[in-house]
Amino acid sequence: MVSTNRWHKAQKHERDYWQKKAARIAYGSTEQLNWYAWKAVEMEKRLQGHLNEEHKQSAKILEIGSGPIGIVTFLKWGERYTIDPLEDFYKSNPVLSHQRDSSIHYCQGTGEKLPFEKKYFSLVILDNVLDHVNEAESVLKEIFRVLSDDGVLYLAVNVHTKLGGVLHSVLSKLKIDKGHPYTFTAKSIRNFIREHQFLVQAETVNDYYLAREKDRKSTSLKEKIKGYTGLSEFIYYSVCKKRSSTV
C-alpha cells in the first residue's frame, strides 16, 4: 500500500497526461485511439482458448482503470463496464467523451472498492493499471470477489529487471516517477498474482533488451536515460483464473 498523498499525486499526473492527450486529439491526432484498438486486438489473441465464442457473446466485462476510452471500446462482444477514479473528469471533457461508445457503462470509482456484486463478471481487464493504484492487494481481492468461478482475469503491467526495479523504487519514493507508485519485476508480479489466489494460465513477457534498445534510439531524452541506466520497462501479460471457488 502507498500513502493516500502519494496516490493523489499519481492521479494528478494521470489527469494532466490526459489533458494533453485531449488537446492532441482535438487537433486530429488518432495515436491514442489506435493504441487502444491495438491493445484490444492483442488481448483477444491472448484470450484465445480461454474464452470461446459462445462465452464471449454472453460475457460481462469489466475494465478497471480504463482511462477515458478503454480497451473495451474496441471489443465487439459482451456487456461492457469500465471503472476509473478520474471518470468525472473524463466525462466532463468534451473531446474525450466524444470518443466513447454509448453502449458501455462508465463508472466512477476505484479497483480497491468495486461497486458490483460477487461473481458478476466473466472477464476482468487490468491493463497498465496495477502499478498506478493505491492498494494493489485490495484491487486483486476485489477482482477475486467480483469474478465468476470460471471467469478470466487479463492482466498486463510494466515490469523492470531486478536492478531496474531497485532504481525505479527509489525514483518512485522520491516522486520523480509520479505516475507509478508501485514497482514490479516479472518474478514479483508472478508471486503477487499467486499470493492473491489466482493461477496463471498463460503468460508472455516482452524482451527487456528490445525495450532497452528502443529507449536508447529514442529522440526523447527521458527515454534515452531509461535505456542507459537500466530503467527500461517491458511488459508482462498473463491470463489468470481463480484458484478456488470459495469467496
Protein backbone atom coordinates (compact mmCIF):
# COMPACT_ATOMS: atom_id res chain seq x y z
CA MET A 1 0.00 0.00 0.00
CA VAL A 2 1.19 3.50 -0.80
CA SER A 3 0.19 6.64 1.08
CA THR A 4 -3.00 8.45 0.12
CA ASN A 5 -0.98 11.56 -0.64
CA ARG A 6 1.33 9.57 -2.94
CA TRP A 7 -1.66 8.12 -4.80
CA HIS A 8 -3.28 11.54 -5.24
CA LYS A 9 -0.06 12.81 -6.80
CA ALA A 10 -0.18 9.88 -9.22
CA GLN A 11 -3.79 10.70 -10.09
CA LYS A 12 -2.93 14.35 -10.74
CA HIS A 13 -0.14 13.16 -13.04
CA GLU A 14 -2.66 10.96 -14.87
CA ARG A 15 -5.18 13.78 -15.22
CA ASP A 16 -2.52 16.13 -16.61
CA TYR A 17 -1.46 13.42 -19.06
CA TRP A 18 -5.00 13.09 -20.42
CA GLN A 19 -5.50 16.83 -20.68
CA LYS A 20 -2.51 16.93 -23.02
CA LYS A 21 -3.80 13.91 -24.96
CA ALA A 22 -7.22 15.55 -25.34
CA ALA A 23 -5.60 18.63 -26.84
CA ARG A 24 -3.77 16.46 -29.39
CA ILE A 25 -6.95 14.53 -30.25
CA ALA A 26 -8.77 17.84 -30.76
CA TYR A 27 -6.17 18.73 -33.38
CA GLY A 28 -6.72 15.47 -35.23
CA SER A 29 -4.32 13.01 -33.62
CA THR A 30 -5.52 9.39 -33.74
CA GLU A 31 -2.46 7.95 -31.99
CA GLN A 32 -4.25 7.22 -28.71
CA LEU A 33 -7.28 5.66 -30.37
CA ASN A 34 -5.04 3.45 -32.49
CA TRP A 35 -3.19 2.42 -29.32
CA TYR A 36 -6.41 1.29 -27.62
CA ALA A 37 -7.53 -0.55 -30.75
CA TRP A 38 -4.17 -2.33 -30.97
CA LYS A 39 -4.36 -3.34 -27.31
CA ALA A 40 -7.84 -4.79 -27.85
CA VAL A 41 -6.62 -6.91 -30.77
CA GLU A 42 -3.61 -8.15 -28.78
CA MET A 43 -5.80 -9.01 -25.80
CA GLU A 44 -8.21 -11.03 -27.93
CA LYS A 45 -5.28 -13.02 -29.31
CA ARG A 46 -4.10 -13.84 -25.79
CA LEU A 47 -7.60 -14.84 -24.70
CA GLN A 48 -7.94 -17.44 -27.46
CA GLY A 49 -8.52 -20.83 -25.86
CA HIS A 50 -9.61 -19.24 -22.59
CA LEU A 51 -12.92 -17.70 -23.76
CA ASN A 52 -14.81 -19.40 -26.57
CA GLU A 53 -17.14 -17.55 -28.96
CA GLU A 54 -20.28 -18.55 -27.04
CA HIS A 55 -18.85 -17.27 -23.76
CA LYS A 56 -17.65 -14.07 -25.42
CA GLN A 57 -21.09 -13.08 -26.65
CA SER A 58 -22.67 -13.53 -23.21
CA ALA A 59 -19.68 -12.17 -21.28
CA LYS A 60 -19.93 -9.46 -18.67
CA ILE A 61 -16.68 -7.49 -18.94
CA LEU A 62 -15.13 -5.03 -16.51
CA GLU A 63 -12.11 -2.89 -17.34
CA ILE A 64 -10.52 -1.38 -14.24
CA GLY A 65 -8.56 1.86 -14.67
CA SER A 66 -9.76 2.17 -18.26
CA GLY A 67 -8.87 5.81 -18.75
CA PRO A 68 -11.34 7.89 -20.77
CA ILE A 69 -11.84 5.42 -23.63
CA GLY A 70 -10.62 1.97 -22.71
CA ILE A 71 -9.82 -1.29 -24.43
CA VAL A 72 -13.48 -2.32 -24.15
CA THR A 73 -14.43 0.42 -26.62
CA PHE A 74 -12.86 -1.69 -29.33
CA LEU A 75 -14.44 -5.01 -28.34
CA LYS A 76 -17.47 -6.03 -30.36
CA TRP A 77 -18.86 -8.51 -27.85
CA GLY A 78 -20.13 -8.75 -24.31
CA GLU A 79 -21.81 -6.40 -21.85
CA ARG A 80 -19.07 -3.87 -21.10
CA TYR A 81 -18.30 -1.82 -18.00
CA THR A 82 -15.42 0.43 -17.01
CA ILE A 83 -14.41 1.96 -13.69
CA ASP A 84 -11.87 4.71 -13.15
CA PRO A 85 -11.21 7.19 -10.31
CA LEU A 86 -10.99 10.01 -12.88
CA GLU A 87 -14.31 9.22 -14.57
CA ASP A 88 -15.91 12.53 -13.55
CA PHE A 89 -13.03 14.38 -15.23
CA TYR A 90 -13.18 12.25 -18.38
CA LYS A 91 -16.92 12.65 -18.91
CA SER A 92 -16.68 16.42 -18.38
CA ASN A 93 -14.09 16.75 -21.16
CA PRO A 94 -15.97 17.05 -24.48
CA VAL A 95 -13.03 15.83 -26.59
CA LEU A 96 -12.53 12.66 -24.54
CA SER A 97 -16.22 11.90 -24.01
CA HIS A 98 -16.85 12.23 -27.76
CA GLN A 99 -14.64 9.17 -28.38
CA ARG A 100 -16.82 6.92 -26.23
CA ASP A 101 -19.27 4.14 -27.01
CA SER A 102 -22.74 4.84 -25.64
CA SER A 103 -23.39 1.13 -25.05
CA ILE A 104 -20.64 0.95 -22.39
CA HIS A 105 -21.40 1.51 -18.70
CA TYR A 106 -18.81 4.06 -17.49
CA CYS A 107 -18.48 4.11 -13.68
CA GLN A 108 -16.69 6.36 -11.21
CA GLY A 109 -14.65 4.52 -8.60
CA THR A 110 -11.51 2.57 -7.79
CA GLY A 111 -10.37 -1.01 -8.09
CA GLU A 112 -9.97 -1.14 -4.32
CA LYS A 113 -13.74 -0.89 -3.80
CA LEU A 114 -15.73 -2.17 -6.75
CA PRO A 115 -19.47 -1.32 -6.67
CA PHE A 116 -20.54 -4.67 -8.12
CA GLU A 117 -22.00 -7.92 -6.84
CA LYS A 118 -20.00 -11.07 -6.15
CA LYS A 119 -19.15 -13.18 -9.19
CA TYR A 120 -20.85 -10.75 -11.57
CA PHE A 121 -18.16 -10.61 -14.28
CA SER A 122 -16.77 -13.30 -16.55
CA LEU A 123 -13.81 -11.20 -17.70
CA VAL A 124 -11.89 -8.51 -15.80
CA ILE A 125 -9.27 -6.45 -17.64
CA LEU A 126 -6.40 -4.90 -15.67
CA ASP A 127 -4.11 -3.41 -18.31
CA ASN A 128 -1.37 -0.93 -17.36
CA VAL A 129 -3.08 -0.27 -14.02
CA LEU A 130 -1.68 -2.29 -11.10
CA ASP A 131 1.44 -0.14 -10.69
CA HIS A 132 -0.74 3.02 -10.58
CA VAL A 133 -3.13 2.08 -7.76
CA ASN A 134 -3.28 2.95 -4.07
CA GLU A 135 -3.62 -0.59 -2.66
CA ALA A 136 -2.62 -3.29 -5.14
CA GLU A 137 -3.54 -6.06 -2.69
CA SER A 138 -7.09 -4.75 -2.31
CA VAL A 139 -7.52 -4.49 -6.08
CA LEU A 140 -6.78 -8.19 -6.60
CA LYS A 141 -9.00 -9.14 -3.66
CA GLU A 142 -11.87 -7.17 -5.19
CA ILE A 143 -11.30 -8.74 -8.60
CA PHE A 144 -11.42 -12.16 -6.97
CA ARG A 145 -14.73 -11.21 -5.35
CA VAL A 146 -16.49 -9.92 -8.50
CA LEU A 147 -15.12 -12.54 -10.91
CA SER A 148 -17.21 -15.63 -11.60
CA ASP A 149 -15.77 -19.01 -10.59
CA ASP A 150 -14.90 -19.83 -14.21
CA GLY A 151 -14.06 -16.23 -15.11
CA VAL A 152 -10.82 -14.84 -16.53
CA LEU A 153 -8.53 -12.07 -15.35
CA TYR A 154 -6.47 -10.46 -18.11
CA LEU A 155 -3.50 -8.62 -16.62
CA ALA A 156 -0.79 -6.53 -18.23
CA VAL A 157 1.73 -4.46 -16.28
CA ASN A 158 5.06 -2.75 -16.91
CA VAL A 159 7.94 -4.56 -15.21
CA HIS A 160 11.66 -3.97 -14.65
CA THR A 161 14.76 -6.09 -14.33
CA LYS A 162 15.95 -6.70 -10.77
CA LEU A 163 18.37 -3.77 -10.99
CA GLY A 164 15.84 -1.58 -12.76
CA GLY A 165 13.30 -2.40 -10.07
CA VAL A 166 15.62 -1.17 -7.34
CA LEU A 167 16.32 2.06 -9.23
CA HIS A 168 12.65 2.62 -10.04
CA SER A 169 11.61 2.08 -6.41
CA VAL A 170 13.93 4.91 -5.41
CA LEU A 171 12.58 7.21 -8.14
CA SER A 172 9.01 6.36 -7.15
CA LYS A 173 9.61 7.10 -3.48
CA LEU A 174 11.25 10.38 -4.40
CA LYS A 175 8.19 11.11 -6.60
CA ILE A 176 10.42 11.59 -9.63
CA ASP A 177 8.23 9.00 -11.34
CA LYS A 178 4.92 10.43 -10.16
CA GLY A 179 2.63 8.13 -12.10
CA HIS A 180 3.83 4.74 -10.82
CA PRO A 181 3.68 4.26 -7.03
CA TYR A 182 4.40 0.52 -7.38
CA THR A 183 7.35 -1.31 -8.89
CA PHE A 184 7.21 -4.87 -10.23
CA THR A 185 9.63 -7.32 -11.79
CA ALA A 186 8.45 -10.35 -13.76
CA LYS A 187 9.20 -12.53 -10.72
CA SER A 188 7.47 -10.28 -8.21
CA ILE A 189 4.29 -9.89 -10.26
CA ARG A 190 4.03 -13.68 -10.68
CA ASN A 191 4.37 -14.11 -6.94
CA PHE A 192 1.87 -11.33 -6.30
CA ILE A 193 -0.75 -12.97 -8.53
CA ARG A 194 -0.31 -16.36 -6.83
CA GLU A 195 -0.40 -14.86 -3.33
CA HIS A 196 -3.84 -13.43 -4.12
CA GLN A 197 -5.50 -16.69 -5.12
CA PHE A 198 -5.08 -16.59 -8.90
CA LEU A 199 -3.49 -19.19 -11.14
CA VAL A 200 -1.61 -18.10 -14.25
CA GLN A 201 -2.98 -19.98 -17.26
CA ALA A 202 -0.75 -18.33 -19.85
CA GLU A 203 1.82 -15.57 -19.83
CA THR A 204 4.03 -13.54 -22.13
CA VAL A 205 6.96 -11.38 -21.10
CA ASN A 206 8.30 -8.86 -23.59
CA ASP A 207 12.04 -8.69 -24.25
CA TYR A 208 13.89 -6.26 -21.97
CA TYR A 209 16.78 -5.86 -24.40
CA LEU A 210 14.46 -4.82 -27.23
CA ALA A 211 12.84 -2.27 -24.90
CA ARG A 212 16.28 -1.02 -23.89
CA GLU A 213 17.44 -0.60 -27.48
CA LYS A 214 14.23 1.23 -28.40
CA ASP A 215 14.80 3.64 -25.50
CA ARG A 216 18.41 4.21 -26.46
CA LYS A 217 17.41 5.08 -30.03
CA SER A 218 14.60 7.38 -28.95
CA THR A 219 14.73 11.12 -29.65
CA SER A 220 13.34 11.69 -26.14
CA LEU A 221 15.99 12.45 -23.53
CA LYS A 222 13.84 10.78 -20.85
CA GLU A 223 13.67 7.54 -22.83
CA LYS A 224 17.39 7.64 -23.58
CA ILE A 225 18.12 7.98 -19.87
CA LYS A 226 15.98 4.92 -19.21
CA GLY A 227 17.86 2.97 -21.86
CA TYR A 228 21.30 3.77 -20.48
CA THR A 229 20.52 3.42 -16.75
CA GLY A 230 18.71 0.06 -16.71
CA LEU A 231 15.29 1.65 -16.15
CA SER A 232 13.71 0.49 -19.41
CA GLU A 233 10.28 -1.04 -18.85
CA PHE A 234 8.95 -4.11 -20.60
CA ILE A 235 5.51 -5.65 -20.36
CA TYR A 236 4.29 -8.73 -18.51
CA TYR A 237 0.99 -10.23 -19.76
CA SER A 238 -0.99 -13.04 -18.17
CA VAL A 239 -4.34 -14.78 -18.41
CA CYS A 240 -5.42 -15.92 -14.95
CA LYS A 241 -8.21 -17.85 -13.27
CA LYS A 242 -9.31 -18.09 -9.66
CA ARG A 243 -7.51 -20.65 -7.55
CA SER A 244 -10.60 -21.58 -5.59
CA SER A 245 -14.36 -21.16 -5.94
CA THR A 246 -14.63 -20.21 -2.27
CA VAL A 247 -15.00 -16.49 -1.67
